[in-house]
Amino acid sequence: MSAEAAAAEAAGEIPPLARDRRVQAWAVSSGISMAGDAAWTLGLAWTAASVGGAHGAGLVLGVGTLPRALLTVFGGAIADRADARRTMVASNLARIVVLLAGLAVLAMSSVTISSLAPCSVSCSFSPGLMPVKRIGISA
């Protein structure tokens, strides 16, 4: 953090985005994570469509959207009560574990709609638990 940002924070002012490296790092990492979410959704839809056609893709994506919709309503309030950084790290680590487990299952068997749906559901949980409050600004 620059001296100007530290002085602004000590005075109770919120420093501009260009001066606070932690906010910049959070914004960049959040953008990368969102791009990964979009790539996951595209790959999942593509795989489901190639395995089960349009109906299979709709089913897999629809089933995966339900937990995200429910947790977005309630999960933000729950996540805001916990430590923001720990919540983000824990939910992203859980997502990595789920993706690796799904990869192992899919590598040992053939890809079917019934094997894609649980991966879609389980990977929809962590985005709904992302905290809304400022992330790690006050160290």
N, C-alpha and C. Protein backbone atom coordinates (compact mmCIF):
# COMPACT_ATOMS: atom_id res chain seq x y z
N MET A 1 0.85 -1.16 0.00
CA MET A 1 0.00 0.00 0.00
C MET A 1 0.90 1.22 0.00
N SER A 2 0.53 2.21 -0.79
CA SER A 2 1.33 3.42 -0.87
C SER A 2 1.13 4.27 0.38
N ALA A 3 2.03 5.23 0.57
CA ALA A 3 1.95 6.11 1.73
C ALA A 3 0.68 6.96 1.67
N GLU A 4 0.31 7.37 0.45
CA GLU A 4 -0.91 8.17 0.30
C GLU A 4 -2.14 7.38 0.68
N ALA A 5 -2.20 6.10 0.27
CA ALA A 5 -3.34 5.25 0.60
C ALA A 5 -3.39 4.98 2.10
N ALA A 6 -2.21 4.80 2.73
CA ALA A 6 -2.18 4.58 4.17
C ALA A 6 -2.64 5.82 4.92
N ALA A 7 -2.23 7.00 4.45
CA ALA A 7 -2.66 8.24 5.08
C ALA A 7 -4.16 8.44 4.91
N ALA A 8 -4.68 8.12 3.73
CA ALA A 8 -6.12 8.27 3.49
C ALA A 8 -6.91 7.30 4.36
N GLU A 9 -6.38 6.08 4.52
CA GLU A 9 -7.07 5.09 5.35
C GLU A 9 -7.03 5.51 6.81
N ALA A 10 -5.90 6.07 7.26
CA ALA A 10 -5.79 6.51 8.65
C ALA A 10 -6.73 7.68 8.93
N ALA A 11 -6.97 8.50 7.90
CA ALA A 11 -7.87 9.64 8.06
C ALA A 11 -9.33 9.24 7.93
N GLY A 12 -9.57 7.98 7.63
CA GLY A 12 -10.95 7.51 7.51
C GLY A 12 -11.51 7.64 6.09
N GLU A 13 -10.68 8.07 5.16
CA GLU A 13 -11.12 8.20 3.78
C GLU A 13 -10.87 6.88 3.05
N ILE A 14 -11.67 6.62 2.06
CA ILE A 14 -11.48 5.43 1.24
C ILE A 14 -10.56 5.81 0.08
N PRO A 15 -9.41 5.13 -0.04
CA PRO A 15 -8.48 5.49 -1.11
C PRO A 15 -9.04 5.09 -2.48
N PRO A 16 -8.67 5.83 -3.52
CA PRO A 16 -9.12 5.46 -4.87
C PRO A 16 -8.57 4.10 -5.27
N LEU A 17 -9.25 3.47 -6.20
CA LEU A 17 -8.87 2.14 -6.65
C LEU A 17 -7.44 2.10 -7.17
N ALA A 18 -7.01 3.15 -7.85
CA ALA A 18 -5.67 3.15 -8.45
C ALA A 18 -4.56 3.13 -7.40
N ARG A 19 -4.87 3.46 -6.16
CA ARG A 19 -3.83 3.54 -5.14
C ARG A 19 -3.77 2.33 -4.21
N ASP A 20 -4.78 1.52 -4.20
CA ASP A 20 -4.82 0.41 -3.25
C ASP A 20 -4.55 -0.90 -3.98
N ARG A 21 -3.37 -1.46 -3.76
CA ARG A 21 -2.94 -2.68 -4.44
C ARG A 21 -3.79 -3.89 -4.05
N ARG A 22 -4.28 -3.93 -2.81
CA ARG A 22 -5.08 -5.09 -2.39
C ARG A 22 -6.41 -5.13 -3.13
N VAL A 23 -7.00 -3.97 -3.35
CA VAL A 23 -8.25 -3.92 -4.10
C VAL A 23 -8.00 -4.28 -5.56
N GLN A 24 -6.90 -3.82 -6.10
CA GLN A 24 -6.56 -4.16 -7.48
C GLN A 24 -6.34 -5.67 -7.61
N ALA A 25 -5.63 -6.26 -6.66
CA ALA A 25 -5.39 -7.71 -6.71
C ALA A 25 -6.70 -8.47 -6.60
N TRP A 26 -7.58 -8.01 -5.72
CA TRP A 26 -8.89 -8.66 -5.58
C TRP A 26 -9.69 -8.54 -6.86
N ALA A 27 -9.69 -7.36 -7.50
CA ALA A 27 -10.46 -7.15 -8.73
C ALA A 27 -9.93 -8.04 -9.85
N VAL A 28 -8.62 -8.14 -9.98
CA VAL A 28 -8.03 -8.98 -11.03
C VAL A 28 -8.34 -10.46 -10.76
N SER A 29 -8.14 -10.91 -9.53
CA SER A 29 -8.39 -12.32 -9.23
C SER A 29 -9.87 -12.65 -9.34
N SER A 30 -10.74 -11.72 -8.98
CA SER A 30 -12.17 -11.95 -9.14
C SER A 30 -12.55 -12.04 -10.62
N GLY A 31 -11.94 -11.21 -11.44
CA GLY A 31 -12.20 -11.27 -12.88
C GLY A 31 -11.74 -12.58 -13.49
N ILE A 32 -10.58 -13.06 -13.05
CA ILE A 32 -10.08 -14.35 -13.54
C ILE A 32 -11.01 -15.48 -13.11
N SER A 33 -11.49 -15.40 -11.87
CA SER A 33 -12.41 -16.42 -11.37
C SER A 33 -13.72 -16.41 -12.17
N MET A 34 -14.23 -15.23 -12.48
CA MET A 34 -15.46 -15.14 -13.27
C MET A 34 -15.26 -15.67 -14.68
N ALA A 35 -14.08 -15.42 -15.26
CA ALA A 35 -13.79 -15.97 -16.58
C ALA A 35 -13.73 -17.50 -16.52
N GLY A 36 -13.17 -18.03 -15.44
CA GLY A 36 -13.14 -19.48 -15.26
C GLY A 36 -14.54 -20.05 -15.10
N ASP A 37 -15.42 -19.34 -14.39
CA ASP A 37 -16.81 -19.78 -14.26
C ASP A 37 -17.50 -19.83 -15.62
N ALA A 38 -17.24 -18.82 -16.43
CA ALA A 38 -17.85 -18.79 -17.76
C ALA A 38 -17.31 -19.93 -18.63
N ALA A 39 -16.01 -20.19 -18.54
CA ALA A 39 -15.42 -21.29 -19.30
C ALA A 39 -15.97 -22.64 -18.83
N TRP A 40 -16.16 -22.79 -17.52
CA TRP A 40 -16.74 -24.02 -16.97
C TRP A 40 -18.15 -24.22 -17.51
N THR A 41 -18.96 -23.18 -17.50
CA THR A 41 -20.34 -23.28 -17.98
C THR A 41 -20.37 -23.62 -19.47
N LEU A 42 -19.52 -22.99 -20.24
CA LEU A 42 -19.46 -23.27 -21.67
C LEU A 42 -19.02 -24.71 -21.93
N GLY A 43 -17.98 -25.16 -21.23
CA GLY A 43 -17.52 -26.54 -21.40
C GLY A 43 -18.55 -27.56 -20.96
N LEU A 44 -19.23 -27.26 -19.86
CA LEU A 44 -20.26 -28.17 -19.37
C LEU A 44 -21.42 -28.25 -20.36
N ALA A 45 -21.85 -27.11 -20.87
CA ALA A 45 -22.95 -27.09 -21.84
C ALA A 45 -22.55 -27.82 -23.12
N TRP A 46 -21.33 -27.60 -23.57
CA TRP A 46 -20.84 -28.25 -24.79
C TRP A 46 -20.80 -29.77 -24.62
N THR A 47 -20.27 -30.21 -23.49
CA THR A 47 -20.18 -31.64 -23.23
C THR A 47 -21.56 -32.27 -23.09
N ALA A 48 -22.45 -31.60 -22.35
CA ALA A 48 -23.81 -32.13 -22.17
C ALA A 48 -24.55 -32.17 -23.49
N ALA A 49 -24.35 -31.17 -24.34
CA ALA A 49 -25.03 -31.16 -25.64
C ALA A 49 -24.49 -32.26 -26.55
N SER A 50 -23.19 -32.52 -26.48
CA SER A 50 -22.64 -33.57 -27.34
C SER A 50 -23.02 -34.96 -26.84
N VAL A 51 -23.28 -35.10 -25.54
CA VAL A 51 -23.66 -36.41 -24.99
C VAL A 51 -25.16 -36.63 -25.07
N GLY A 52 -25.93 -35.62 -24.67
CA GLY A 52 -27.38 -35.81 -24.55
C GLY A 52 -28.23 -34.90 -25.40
N GLY A 53 -27.62 -34.18 -26.31
CA GLY A 53 -28.38 -33.27 -27.16
C GLY A 53 -28.82 -32.03 -26.40
N ALA A 54 -29.72 -31.30 -27.01
CA ALA A 54 -30.20 -30.05 -26.41
C ALA A 54 -30.94 -30.30 -25.11
N HIS A 55 -31.68 -31.39 -25.05
CA HIS A 55 -32.42 -31.71 -23.81
C HIS A 55 -31.45 -32.00 -22.66
N GLY A 56 -30.40 -32.73 -22.94
CA GLY A 56 -29.41 -33.04 -21.90
C GLY A 56 -28.70 -31.79 -21.42
N ALA A 57 -28.35 -30.90 -22.36
CA ALA A 57 -27.68 -29.66 -21.97
C ALA A 57 -28.59 -28.80 -21.12
N GLY A 58 -29.86 -28.71 -21.50
CA GLY A 58 -30.81 -27.93 -20.71
C GLY A 58 -31.01 -28.52 -19.33
N LEU A 59 -31.07 -29.83 -19.25
CA LEU A 59 -31.24 -30.49 -17.96
C LEU A 59 -30.04 -30.26 -17.05
N VAL A 60 -28.84 -30.46 -17.56
CA VAL A 60 -27.63 -30.30 -16.75
C VAL A 60 -27.47 -28.86 -16.29
N LEU A 61 -27.65 -27.91 -17.19
CA LEU A 61 -27.49 -26.51 -16.81
C LEU A 61 -28.62 -26.04 -15.89
N GLY A 62 -29.83 -26.53 -16.12
CA GLY A 62 -30.94 -26.16 -15.25
C GLY A 62 -30.78 -26.69 -13.84
N VAL A 63 -30.35 -27.94 -13.73
CA VAL A 63 -30.12 -28.54 -12.41
C VAL A 63 -29.00 -27.81 -11.68
N GLY A 64 -27.99 -27.37 -12.41
CA GLY A 64 -26.89 -26.65 -11.78
C GLY A 64 -27.23 -25.23 -11.39
N THR A 65 -28.26 -24.66 -11.99
CA THR A 65 -28.64 -23.29 -11.69
C THR A 65 -29.44 -23.19 -10.39
N LEU A 66 -30.17 -24.22 -10.03
CA LEU A 66 -31.01 -24.17 -8.83
C LEU A 66 -30.23 -23.88 -7.54
N PRO A 67 -29.15 -24.61 -7.24
CA PRO A 67 -28.43 -24.29 -6.00
C PRO A 67 -27.85 -22.88 -6.01
N ARG A 68 -27.37 -22.44 -7.17
CA ARG A 68 -26.80 -21.09 -7.25
C ARG A 68 -27.87 -20.04 -6.98
N ALA A 69 -29.06 -20.24 -7.53
CA ALA A 69 -30.14 -19.27 -7.31
C ALA A 69 -30.56 -19.24 -5.84
N LEU A 70 -30.69 -20.40 -5.22
CA LEU A 70 -31.10 -20.44 -3.82
C LEU A 70 -30.02 -19.89 -2.90
N LEU A 71 -28.77 -20.22 -3.17
CA LEU A 71 -27.69 -19.73 -2.30
C LEU A 71 -27.38 -18.27 -2.52
N THR A 72 -27.65 -17.74 -3.69
CA THR A 72 -27.42 -16.32 -3.91
C THR A 72 -28.34 -15.50 -3.02
N VAL A 73 -29.55 -15.97 -2.84
CA VAL A 73 -30.50 -15.25 -1.99
C VAL A 73 -30.08 -15.33 -0.52
N PHE A 74 -29.76 -16.52 -0.04
CA PHE A 74 -29.48 -16.71 1.38
C PHE A 74 -27.98 -16.80 1.70
N GLY A 75 -27.20 -17.29 0.76
CA GLY A 75 -25.77 -17.51 1.02
C GLY A 75 -24.98 -16.24 1.23
N GLY A 76 -25.36 -15.16 0.57
CA GLY A 76 -24.65 -13.89 0.76
C GLY A 76 -24.77 -13.39 2.19
N ALA A 77 -25.94 -13.51 2.76
CA ALA A 77 -26.13 -13.09 4.15
C ALA A 77 -25.35 -13.98 5.11
N ILE A 78 -25.32 -15.27 4.82
CA ILE A 78 -24.56 -16.19 5.66
C ILE A 78 -23.06 -15.90 5.53
N ALA A 79 -22.60 -15.69 4.31
CA ALA A 79 -21.18 -15.45 4.08
C ALA A 79 -20.73 -14.12 4.65
N ASP A 80 -21.61 -13.12 4.69
CA ASP A 80 -21.23 -11.82 5.24
C ASP A 80 -21.01 -11.87 6.74
N ARG A 81 -21.56 -12.85 7.42
CA ARG A 81 -21.36 -12.98 8.86
C ARG A 81 -20.03 -13.63 9.19
N ALA A 82 -19.47 -14.36 8.26
CA ALA A 82 -18.19 -15.02 8.47
C ALA A 82 -17.07 -14.14 7.91
N ASP A 83 -15.85 -14.54 8.14
CA ASP A 83 -14.70 -13.83 7.60
C ASP A 83 -14.71 -13.95 6.08
N ALA A 84 -14.66 -12.82 5.39
CA ALA A 84 -14.82 -12.80 3.93
C ALA A 84 -13.70 -13.57 3.23
N ARG A 85 -12.48 -13.34 3.64
CA ARG A 85 -11.36 -13.99 2.96
C ARG A 85 -11.41 -15.51 3.16
N ARG A 86 -11.69 -15.94 4.38
CA ARG A 86 -11.76 -17.38 4.63
C ARG A 86 -12.91 -18.02 3.86
N THR A 87 -14.03 -17.33 3.77
CA THR A 87 -15.17 -17.86 3.03
C THR A 87 -14.82 -18.03 1.55
N MET A 88 -14.17 -17.03 0.97
CA MET A 88 -13.79 -17.13 -0.44
C MET A 88 -12.79 -18.26 -0.67
N VAL A 89 -11.77 -18.33 0.18
CA VAL A 89 -10.75 -19.36 0.01
C VAL A 89 -11.36 -20.75 0.21
N ALA A 90 -12.18 -20.91 1.24
CA ALA A 90 -12.79 -22.22 1.50
C ALA A 90 -13.71 -22.64 0.37
N SER A 91 -14.52 -21.71 -0.15
CA SER A 91 -15.44 -22.09 -1.23
C SER A 91 -14.69 -22.40 -2.51
N ASN A 92 -13.61 -21.69 -2.79
CA ASN A 92 -12.83 -21.99 -3.99
C ASN A 92 -12.05 -23.30 -3.84
N LEU A 93 -11.54 -23.59 -2.65
CA LEU A 93 -10.88 -24.87 -2.44
C LEU A 93 -11.87 -26.02 -2.55
N ALA A 94 -13.08 -25.82 -2.04
CA ALA A 94 -14.11 -26.85 -2.18
C ALA A 94 -14.45 -27.07 -3.65
N ARG A 95 -14.48 -26.01 -4.42
CA ARG A 95 -14.75 -26.13 -5.85
C ARG A 95 -13.65 -26.92 -6.55
N ILE A 96 -12.40 -26.68 -6.17
CA ILE A 96 -11.29 -27.42 -6.76
C ILE A 96 -11.41 -28.91 -6.45
N VAL A 97 -11.72 -29.23 -5.20
CA VAL A 97 -11.88 -30.63 -4.81
C VAL A 97 -12.99 -31.29 -5.61
N VAL A 98 -14.11 -30.59 -5.75
CA VAL A 98 -15.25 -31.14 -6.50
C VAL A 98 -14.88 -31.35 -7.97
N LEU A 99 -14.18 -30.40 -8.56
CA LEU A 99 -13.78 -30.55 -9.96
C LEU A 99 -12.81 -31.72 -10.14
N LEU A 100 -11.87 -31.87 -9.21
CA LEU A 100 -10.94 -33.00 -9.32
C LEU A 100 -11.65 -34.33 -9.12
N ALA A 101 -12.60 -34.38 -8.19
CA ALA A 101 -13.37 -35.61 -7.99
C ALA A 101 -14.22 -35.92 -9.22
N GLY A 102 -14.83 -34.90 -9.80
CA GLY A 102 -15.60 -35.10 -11.03
C GLY A 102 -14.73 -35.56 -12.18
N LEU A 103 -13.53 -35.01 -12.27
CA LEU A 103 -12.59 -35.42 -13.31
C LEU A 103 -12.20 -36.88 -13.13
N ALA A 104 -11.96 -37.28 -11.89
CA ALA A 104 -11.61 -38.68 -11.63
C ALA A 104 -12.75 -39.62 -11.99
N VAL A 105 -13.98 -39.25 -11.63
CA VAL A 105 -15.14 -40.09 -11.95
C VAL A 105 -15.32 -40.18 -13.46
N LEU A 106 -15.21 -39.05 -14.14
CA LEU A 106 -15.41 -39.05 -15.59
C LEU A 106 -14.27 -39.77 -16.32
N ALA A 107 -13.07 -39.76 -15.74
CA ALA A 107 -11.94 -40.46 -16.38
C ALA A 107 -12.09 -41.97 -16.24
N MET A 108 -12.75 -42.43 -15.17
CA MET A 108 -12.90 -43.87 -14.94
C MET A 108 -14.12 -44.45 -15.65
N SER A 109 -15.05 -43.61 -16.06
CA SER A 109 -16.26 -44.12 -16.72
C SER A 109 -16.59 -43.24 -17.91
N SER A 110 -17.60 -43.63 -18.64
CA SER A 110 -18.00 -42.83 -19.79
C SER A 110 -18.81 -41.61 -19.33
N VAL A 111 -18.78 -40.60 -20.13
CA VAL A 111 -19.48 -39.36 -19.80
C VAL A 111 -20.96 -39.53 -20.16
N THR A 112 -21.81 -39.33 -19.14
CA THR A 112 -23.25 -39.39 -19.35
C THR A 112 -23.89 -38.18 -18.68
N ILE A 113 -25.14 -37.96 -19.00
CA ILE A 113 -25.87 -36.85 -18.38
C ILE A 113 -25.95 -37.08 -16.86
N SER A 114 -26.13 -38.34 -16.46
CA SER A 114 -26.22 -38.62 -15.03
C SER A 114 -24.89 -38.42 -14.30
N SER A 115 -23.78 -38.42 -15.01
CA SER A 115 -22.50 -38.12 -14.36
C SER A 115 -22.16 -36.63 -14.43
N LEU A 116 -22.73 -35.90 -15.38
CA LEU A 116 -22.49 -34.47 -15.48
C LEU A 116 -23.36 -33.66 -14.52
N ALA A 117 -24.58 -34.13 -14.26
CA ALA A 117 -25.50 -33.38 -13.40
C ALA A 117 -24.96 -33.17 -11.99
N PRO A 118 -24.42 -34.20 -11.31
CA PRO A 118 -23.87 -33.94 -9.97
C PRO A 118 -22.71 -32.95 -9.96
N CYS A 119 -21.87 -33.00 -10.99
CA CYS A 119 -20.78 -32.02 -11.08
C CYS A 119 -21.34 -30.60 -11.24
N SER A 120 -22.38 -30.48 -12.03
CA SER A 120 -23.01 -29.17 -12.23
C SER A 120 -23.62 -28.65 -10.94
N VAL A 121 -24.29 -29.52 -10.21
CA VAL A 121 -24.92 -29.11 -8.94
C VAL A 121 -23.86 -28.73 -7.92
N SER A 122 -22.85 -29.56 -7.74
CA SER A 122 -21.87 -29.30 -6.70
C SER A 122 -21.01 -28.08 -6.99
N CYS A 123 -20.76 -27.78 -8.24
CA CYS A 123 -19.97 -26.59 -8.56
C CYS A 123 -20.79 -25.31 -8.52
N SER A 124 -22.09 -25.43 -8.31
CA SER A 124 -22.94 -24.25 -8.21
C SER A 124 -23.03 -23.73 -6.79
N PHE A 125 -22.53 -24.47 -5.82
CA PHE A 125 -22.66 -24.05 -4.43
C PHE A 125 -21.74 -22.90 -4.06
N SER A 126 -20.47 -22.96 -4.44
CA SER A 126 -19.54 -21.96 -3.95
C SER A 126 -19.77 -20.55 -4.48
N PRO A 127 -20.21 -20.31 -5.74
CA PRO A 127 -20.46 -18.92 -6.13
C PRO A 127 -21.58 -18.26 -5.33
N GLY A 128 -22.53 -19.04 -4.85
CA GLY A 128 -23.61 -18.47 -4.06
C GLY A 128 -23.19 -18.07 -2.66
N LEU A 129 -22.02 -18.53 -2.23
CA LEU A 129 -21.54 -18.20 -0.89
C LEU A 129 -20.51 -17.07 -0.89
N MET A 130 -20.34 -16.39 -2.00
CA MET A 130 -19.36 -15.31 -2.04
C MET A 130 -19.85 -14.13 -1.22
N PRO A 131 -18.99 -13.59 -0.37
CA PRO A 131 -19.39 -12.46 0.47
C PRO A 131 -19.59 -11.20 -0.34
N VAL A 132 -20.50 -10.36 0.12
CA VAL A 132 -20.82 -9.12 -0.59
C VAL A 132 -20.00 -7.97 -0.05
N LYS A 133 -19.64 -8.02 1.24
CA LYS A 133 -18.92 -6.90 1.84
C LYS A 133 -17.50 -6.81 1.28
N ARG A 134 -16.82 -5.77 1.61
CA ARG A 134 -15.46 -5.56 1.11
C ARG A 134 -14.57 -6.72 1.49
N ILE A 135 -13.77 -7.16 0.56
CA ILE A 135 -12.95 -8.36 0.73
C ILE A 135 -11.54 -7.95 1.15
N GLY A 136 -11.18 -8.24 2.38
CA GLY A 136 -9.80 -8.10 2.83
C GLY A 136 -9.23 -6.71 2.79
N ILE A 137 -10.04 -5.67 2.81
CA ILE A 137 -9.51 -4.31 2.76
C ILE A 137 -8.85 -3.96 4.08
N SER A 138 -9.49 -4.29 5.18
CA SER A 138 -8.90 -4.00 6.48
C SER A 138 -8.13 -5.22 6.95
N ALA A 139 -6.84 -5.13 6.95
CA ALA A 139 -5.98 -6.28 7.24
C ALA A 139 -5.92 -6.56 8.72
